[in-house]
Amino acid sequence: MAYSSGMSVLLGLTMLAFWLYCLFDVITTPDEKARNLPKLLWVVIVVVTFVVGGLFWLLLGRPLGPRPPRPTFRPDLPQRPDAPRGPDDDPDFLRDLDRRLRDED
């Protein structure tokens, strides 16, 4: 009977999403930023105790304050080449197409 209501399914999905968020947050947190316990132990706690472990992580283990922004541009790394253009943006292709169309007439 409990599984027949949509509310229990929604609650289960919400708990799963919360647990996954906490698990990925623990995994992506740098080792030296984890508070109170070593990072590996936090991963075990979150995995074994499910939602309660996630709550413990957020309250006791997660680093305080905002995370530093991730760099988006690094001038020391080679930049990727320009993305390929579509044929209708290539002037040489358009010129050749125009010439072929005129030759058919």
C-alpha atoms as a PDB file:
ATOM      1  CA  MET A   1       0.000   0.000   0.000  1.00  0.00           C
ATOM      2  CA  ALA A   2       2.798   2.447   0.838  1.00  0.00           C
ATOM      3  CA  TYR A   3       4.212   2.267  -2.688  1.00  0.00           C
ATOM      4  CA  SER A   4       0.907   3.022  -4.322  1.00  0.00           C
ATOM      5  CA  SER A   5       1.002   6.702  -3.440  1.00  0.00           C
ATOM      6  CA  GLY A   6       3.002   9.071  -5.563  1.00  0.00           C
ATOM      7  CA  MET A   7       4.120  10.911  -2.447  1.00  0.00           C
ATOM      8  CA  SER A   8       6.305   8.039  -1.240  1.00  0.00           C
ATOM      9  CA  VAL A   9       7.924   7.729  -4.667  1.00  0.00           C
ATOM     10  CA  LEU A  10       8.588  11.472  -4.714  1.00  0.00           C
ATOM     11  CA  LEU A  11      10.033  11.325  -1.206  1.00  0.00           C
ATOM     12  CA  GLY A  12      12.273   8.418  -2.187  1.00  0.00           C
ATOM     13  CA  LEU A  13      13.535  10.233  -5.280  1.00  0.00           C
ATOM     14  CA  THR A  14      14.180  13.364  -3.235  1.00  0.00           C
ATOM     15  CA  MET A  15      16.176  11.389  -0.674  1.00  0.00           C
ATOM     16  CA  LEU A  16      18.162   9.715  -3.461  1.00  0.00           C
ATOM     17  CA  ALA A  17      18.929  13.081  -5.070  1.00  0.00           C
ATOM     18  CA  PHE A  18      20.023  14.514  -1.723  1.00  0.00           C
ATOM     19  CA  TRP A  19      22.240  11.490  -1.055  1.00  0.00           C
ATOM     20  CA  LEU A  20      23.837  11.686  -4.509  1.00  0.00           C
ATOM     21  CA  TYR A  21      24.460  15.411  -4.080  1.00  0.00           C
ATOM     22  CA  CYS A  22      26.171  14.818  -0.728  1.00  0.00           C
ATOM     23  CA  LEU A  23      28.198  11.895  -2.076  1.00  0.00           C
ATOM     24  CA  PHE A  24      29.483  13.861  -5.063  1.00  0.00           C
ATOM     25  CA  ASP A  25      30.155  16.854  -2.831  1.00  0.00           C
ATOM     26  CA  VAL A  26      32.291  14.714  -0.509  1.00  0.00           C
ATOM     27  CA  ILE A  27      34.148  13.143  -3.419  1.00  0.00           C
ATOM     28  CA  THR A  28      34.911  16.464  -5.134  1.00  0.00           C
ATOM     29  CA  THR A  29      35.960  18.282  -1.957  1.00  0.00           C
ATOM     30  CA  PRO A  30      39.755  18.518  -1.640  1.00  0.00           C
ATOM     31  CA  ASP A  31      41.191  16.289   1.087  1.00  0.00           C
ATOM     32  CA  GLU A  32      42.599  19.175   3.099  1.00  0.00           C
ATOM     33  CA  LYS A  33      39.255  21.041   3.139  1.00  0.00           C
ATOM     34  CA  ALA A  34      37.186  18.292   4.816  1.00  0.00           C
ATOM     35  CA  ARG A  35      36.445  19.164   8.429  1.00  0.00           C
ATOM     36  CA  ASN A  36      36.511  16.986  11.575  1.00  0.00           C
ATOM     37  CA  LEU A  37      37.294  13.655   9.843  1.00  0.00           C
ATOM     38  CA  PRO A  38      39.438  12.466   6.924  1.00  0.00           C
ATOM     39  CA  LYS A  39      37.744  12.631   3.542  1.00  0.00           C
ATOM     40  CA  LEU A  40      37.777   8.863   3.041  1.00  0.00           C
ATOM     41  CA  LEU A  41      35.920   8.376   6.300  1.00  0.00           C
ATOM     42  CA  TRP A  42      33.333  10.965   5.215  1.00  0.00           C
ATOM     43  CA  VAL A  43      32.781   9.021   1.984  1.00  0.00           C
ATOM     44  CA  VAL A  44      32.214   5.825   3.986  1.00  0.00           C
ATOM     45  CA  ILE A  45      29.816   7.582   6.386  1.00  0.00           C
ATOM     46  CA  VAL A  46      27.749   9.062   3.544  1.00  0.00           C
ATOM     47  CA  VAL A  47      27.625   5.762   1.649  1.00  0.00           C
ATOM     48  CA  VAL A  48      26.740   3.595   4.647  1.00  0.00           C
ATOM     49  CA  THR A  49      24.282   5.822   6.490  1.00  0.00           C
ATOM     50  CA  PHE A  50      22.524   7.261   3.411  1.00  0.00           C
ATOM     51  CA  VAL A  51      20.527  10.405   4.274  1.00  0.00           C
ATOM     52  CA  VAL A  52      21.787  10.728   7.856  1.00  0.00           C
ATOM     53  CA  GLY A  53      25.377  10.619   6.607  1.00  0.00           C
ATOM     54  CA  GLY A  54      24.547  13.335   4.103  1.00  0.00           C
ATOM     55  CA  LEU A  55      23.155  15.512   6.854  1.00  0.00           C
ATOM     56  CA  PHE A  56      26.260  14.904   8.976  1.00  0.00           C
ATOM     57  CA  TRP A  57      28.441  15.824   6.005  1.00  0.00           C
ATOM     58  CA  LEU A  58      26.616  19.085   5.369  1.00  0.00           C
ATOM     59  CA  LEU A  59      26.606  20.080   9.035  1.00  0.00           C
ATOM     60  CA  LEU A  60      29.979  18.804  10.248  1.00  0.00           C
ATOM     61  CA  GLY A  61      32.271  17.938   7.357  1.00  0.00           C
ATOM     62  CA  ARG A  62      31.670  20.297   4.480  1.00  0.00           C
ATOM     63  CA  PRO A  63      34.109  23.203   4.158  1.00  0.00           C
ATOM     64  CA  LEU A  64      32.845  26.534   5.408  1.00  0.00           C
ATOM     65  CA  GLY A  65      32.434  29.484   3.074  1.00  0.00           C
ATOM     66  CA  PRO A  66      32.179  29.679  -0.676  1.00  0.00           C
ATOM     67  CA  ARG A  67      34.290  27.509  -2.878  1.00  0.00           C
ATOM     68  CA  PRO A  68      36.909  29.226  -5.013  1.00  0.00           C
ATOM     69  CA  PRO A  69      35.768  29.704  -8.610  1.00  0.00           C
ATOM     70  CA  ARG A  70      37.125  27.294 -11.133  1.00  0.00           C
ATOM     71  CA  PRO A  71      39.370  28.838 -13.763  1.00  0.00           C
ATOM     72  CA  THR A  72      37.762  29.021 -17.169  1.00  0.00           C
ATOM     73  CA  PHE A  73      40.638  30.518 -19.144  1.00  0.00           C
ATOM     74  CA  ARG A  74      44.259  29.522 -18.756  1.00  0.00           C
ATOM     75  CA  PRO A  75      46.638  31.484 -20.989  1.00  0.00           C
ATOM     76  CA  ASP A  76      49.443  28.984 -20.340  1.00  0.00           C
ATOM     77  CA  LEU A  77      47.480  26.165 -22.035  1.00  0.00           C
ATOM     78  CA  PRO A  78      47.149  25.979 -25.817  1.00  0.00           C
ATOM     79  CA  GLN A  79      43.797  27.277 -26.973  1.00  0.00           C
ATOM     80  CA  ARG A  80      41.538  25.127 -29.080  1.00  0.00           C
ATOM     81  CA  PRO A  81      41.311  26.016 -32.755  1.00  0.00           C
ATOM     82  CA  ASP A  82      38.286  27.792 -34.140  1.00  0.00           C
ATOM     83  CA  ALA A  83      35.271  25.590 -34.484  1.00  0.00           C
ATOM     84  CA  PRO A  84      34.517  24.409 -38.011  1.00  0.00           C
ATOM     85  CA  ARG A  85      32.155  26.631 -39.911  1.00  0.00           C
ATOM     86  CA  GLY A  86      29.136  25.499 -41.838  1.00  0.00           C
ATOM     87  CA  PRO A  87      29.379  25.497 -45.643  1.00  0.00           C
ATOM     88  CA  ASP A  88      27.021  28.460 -45.925  1.00  0.00           C
ATOM     89  CA  ASP A  89      29.501  30.552 -43.884  1.00  0.00           C
ATOM     90  CA  ASP A  90      32.447  29.734 -46.149  1.00  0.00           C
ATOM     91  CA  PRO A  91      32.864  32.394 -48.878  1.00  0.00           C
ATOM     92  CA  ASP A  92      34.884  30.020 -51.115  1.00  0.00           C
ATOM     93  CA  PHE A  93      32.134  27.414 -50.977  1.00  0.00           C
ATOM     94  CA  LEU A  94      29.459  30.017 -51.775  1.00  0.00           C
ATOM     95  CA  ARG A  95      31.485  31.343 -54.700  1.00  0.00           C
ATOM     96  CA  ASP A  96      31.975  27.830 -56.079  1.00  0.00           C
ATOM     97  CA  LEU A  97      28.288  27.027 -55.583  1.00  0.00           C
ATOM     98  CA  ASP A  98      27.268  30.224 -57.371  1.00  0.00           C
ATOM     99  CA  ARG A  99      29.629  29.397 -60.264  1.00  0.00           C
ATOM    100  CA  ARG A 100      28.231  25.847 -60.571  1.00  0.00           C
ATOM    101  CA  LEU A 101      24.643  27.121 -60.497  1.00  0.00           C
ATOM    102  CA  ARG A 102      25.381  29.619 -63.280  1.00  0.00           C
ATOM    103  CA  ASP A 103      27.118  26.945 -65.374  1.00  0.00           C
ATOM    104  CA  GLU A 104      23.992  24.719 -65.180  1.00  0.00           C
ATOM    105  CA  ASP A 105      21.782  27.441 -66.662  1.00  0.00           C
END
